[in-house]
């Protein structure tokens, strides 16, 4: 019942320059829905501490989600590219 969600973001430029970054969150699939926040799989995606992602505050979910982690990993690259421009 273990599960892993992976999100990959890509930044592409002319001339075939492509940068990718990824974010991963691991957990397990619950036996029954828990919580009322979120959407999709949130009520059955259990974090290591036993809470579902439908039971945590939005701010916490944004910090630990695979999508948020992928975008956060892209931030240093964007800052570097901006500094070079």
C-alpha atoms as a PDB file:
ATOM      1  CA  UNK A   1       0.000   0.000   0.000  1.00  0.00           C
ATOM      2  CA  UNK A   2       3.042   2.266  -0.297  1.00  0.00           C
ATOM      3  CA  UNK A   3       2.767   5.077  -2.800  1.00  0.00           C
ATOM      4  CA  UNK A   4       5.036   7.702  -4.264  1.00  0.00           C
ATOM      5  CA  UNK A   5       3.960  10.772  -6.179  1.00  0.00           C
ATOM      6  CA  UNK A   6       6.493  12.446  -8.444  1.00  0.00           C
ATOM      7  CA  UNK A   7       6.091  15.748 -10.219  1.00  0.00           C
ATOM      8  CA  UNK A   8       8.507  17.039 -12.835  1.00  0.00           C
ATOM      9  CA  UNK A   9       8.567  20.613 -14.112  1.00  0.00           C
ATOM     10  CA  UNK A  10      10.434  21.642 -17.234  1.00  0.00           C
ATOM     11  CA  UNK A  11      11.733  24.998 -18.374  1.00  0.00           C
ATOM     12  CA  UNK A  12      12.510  25.053 -22.101  1.00  0.00           C
ATOM     13  CA  UNK A  13      14.353  27.652 -24.151  1.00  0.00           C
ATOM     14  CA  UNK A  14      14.937  28.028 -27.870  1.00  0.00           C
ATOM     15  CA  UNK A  15      17.879  25.973 -29.058  1.00  0.00           C
ATOM     16  CA  UNK A  16      16.843  22.800 -27.230  1.00  0.00           C
ATOM     17  CA  UNK A  17      17.890  24.017 -23.776  1.00  0.00           C
ATOM     18  CA  UNK A  18      15.643  22.215 -21.294  1.00  0.00           C
ATOM     19  CA  UNK A  19      15.972  22.201 -17.523  1.00  0.00           C
ATOM     20  CA  UNK A  20      13.947  19.839 -15.357  1.00  0.00           C
ATOM     21  CA  UNK A  21      13.439  19.595 -11.615  1.00  0.00           C
ATOM     22  CA  UNK A  22      11.378  17.113  -9.636  1.00  0.00           C
ATOM     23  CA  UNK A  23       9.586  16.771  -6.347  1.00  0.00           C
ATOM     24  CA  UNK A  24       8.600  13.556  -4.581  1.00  0.00           C
ATOM     25  CA  UNK A  25       6.280  12.767  -1.693  1.00  0.00           C
ATOM     26  CA  UNK A  26       5.980   9.280  -0.243  1.00  0.00           C
ATOM     27  CA  UNK A  27       3.245   7.783   1.851  1.00  0.00           C
ATOM     28  CA  UNK A  28       0.717   5.013   1.768  1.00  0.00           C
ATOM     29  CA  UNK A  29      -2.834   4.467   0.584  1.00  0.00           C
ATOM     30  CA  UNK A  30      -5.388   4.559   3.378  1.00  0.00           C
ATOM     31  CA  UNK A  31      -8.166   2.036   3.774  1.00  0.00           C
ATOM     32  CA  UNK A  32     -10.836   4.740   4.106  1.00  0.00           C
ATOM     33  CA  UNK A  33     -11.007   8.467   3.344  1.00  0.00           C
ATOM     34  CA  UNK A  34      -9.842  10.830   6.105  1.00  0.00           C
ATOM     35  CA  UNK A  35     -10.356  14.591   6.196  1.00  0.00           C
ATOM     36  CA  UNK A  36     -12.364  17.087   4.193  1.00  0.00           C
ATOM     37  CA  UNK A  37      -9.727  19.362   2.634  1.00  0.00           C
ATOM     38  CA  UNK A  38      -8.049  18.934  -0.705  1.00  0.00           C
ATOM     39  CA  UNK A  39      -9.228  17.017  -3.744  1.00  0.00           C
ATOM     40  CA  UNK A  40      -8.606  13.831  -5.679  1.00  0.00           C
ATOM     41  CA  UNK A  41      -6.485  11.383  -3.727  1.00  0.00           C
ATOM     42  CA  UNK A  42      -5.934  13.694  -0.708  1.00  0.00           C
ATOM     43  CA  UNK A  43      -8.365  11.858   1.614  1.00  0.00           C
ATOM     44  CA  UNK A  44      -6.647   8.498   1.044  1.00  0.00           C
ATOM     45  CA  UNK A  45      -3.004   9.604   0.750  1.00  0.00           C
ATOM     46  CA  UNK A  46      -1.497   9.048   4.196  1.00  0.00           C
ATOM     47  CA  UNK A  47       1.656  10.780   5.336  1.00  0.00           C
ATOM     48  CA  UNK A  48       4.200   8.904   7.471  1.00  0.00           C
ATOM     49  CA  UNK A  49       2.591  10.365  10.624  1.00  0.00           C
ATOM     50  CA  UNK A  50      -0.797   8.817   9.696  1.00  0.00           C
ATOM     51  CA  UNK A  51      -2.576  12.031   8.661  1.00  0.00           C
ATOM     52  CA  UNK A  52      -4.048  12.260   5.195  1.00  0.00           C
ATOM     53  CA  UNK A  53      -3.222  15.201   2.981  1.00  0.00           C
ATOM     54  CA  UNK A  54      -6.901  16.161   3.356  1.00  0.00           C
ATOM     55  CA  UNK A  55      -6.296  16.679   7.096  1.00  0.00           C
ATOM     56  CA  UNK A  56      -3.384  19.104   6.969  1.00  0.00           C
ATOM     57  CA  UNK A  57      -3.476  22.880   6.518  1.00  0.00           C
ATOM     58  CA  UNK A  58      -3.047  24.157   2.957  1.00  0.00           C
ATOM     59  CA  UNK A  59       0.216  25.904   3.890  1.00  0.00           C
ATOM     60  CA  UNK A  60       1.734  22.632   5.098  1.00  0.00           C
ATOM     61  CA  UNK A  61       0.507  20.751   2.044  1.00  0.00           C
ATOM     62  CA  UNK A  62       2.075  23.380  -0.233  1.00  0.00           C
ATOM     63  CA  UNK A  63       5.428  22.910   1.551  1.00  0.00           C
ATOM     64  CA  UNK A  64       5.509  19.111   1.278  1.00  0.00           C
ATOM     65  CA  UNK A  65       3.596  18.374  -1.935  1.00  0.00           C
ATOM     66  CA  UNK A  66       5.399  16.873  -4.909  1.00  0.00           C
ATOM     67  CA  UNK A  67       4.265  19.786  -7.056  1.00  0.00           C
ATOM     68  CA  UNK A  68       5.435  22.395  -4.554  1.00  0.00           C
ATOM     69  CA  UNK A  69       8.789  20.667  -4.102  1.00  0.00           C
ATOM     70  CA  UNK A  70       9.355  20.527  -7.860  1.00  0.00           C
ATOM     71  CA  UNK A  71       8.616  24.224  -8.230  1.00  0.00           C
ATOM     72  CA  UNK A  72      10.789  25.083  -5.228  1.00  0.00           C
ATOM     73  CA  UNK A  73      13.650  23.123  -6.816  1.00  0.00           C
ATOM     74  CA  UNK A  74      13.278  25.261  -9.949  1.00  0.00           C
ATOM     75  CA  UNK A  75      13.532  28.554  -8.050  1.00  0.00           C
ATOM     76  CA  UNK A  76      17.378  28.618  -7.735  1.00  0.00           C
ATOM     77  CA  UNK A  77      17.717  27.999 -11.471  1.00  0.00           C
ATOM     78  CA  UNK A  78      15.324  30.846 -12.246  1.00  0.00           C
ATOM     79  CA  UNK A  79      17.255  33.139  -9.922  1.00  0.00           C
ATOM     80  CA  UNK A  80      20.546  32.166 -11.573  1.00  0.00           C
ATOM     81  CA  UNK A  81      19.163  32.730 -15.056  1.00  0.00           C
ATOM     82  CA  UNK A  82      17.736  36.096 -14.007  1.00  0.00           C
ATOM     83  CA  UNK A  83      21.083  37.172 -12.553  1.00  0.00           C
ATOM     84  CA  UNK A  84      22.807  36.313 -15.852  1.00  0.00           C
ATOM     85  CA  UNK A  85      20.269  38.259 -17.949  1.00  0.00           C
END
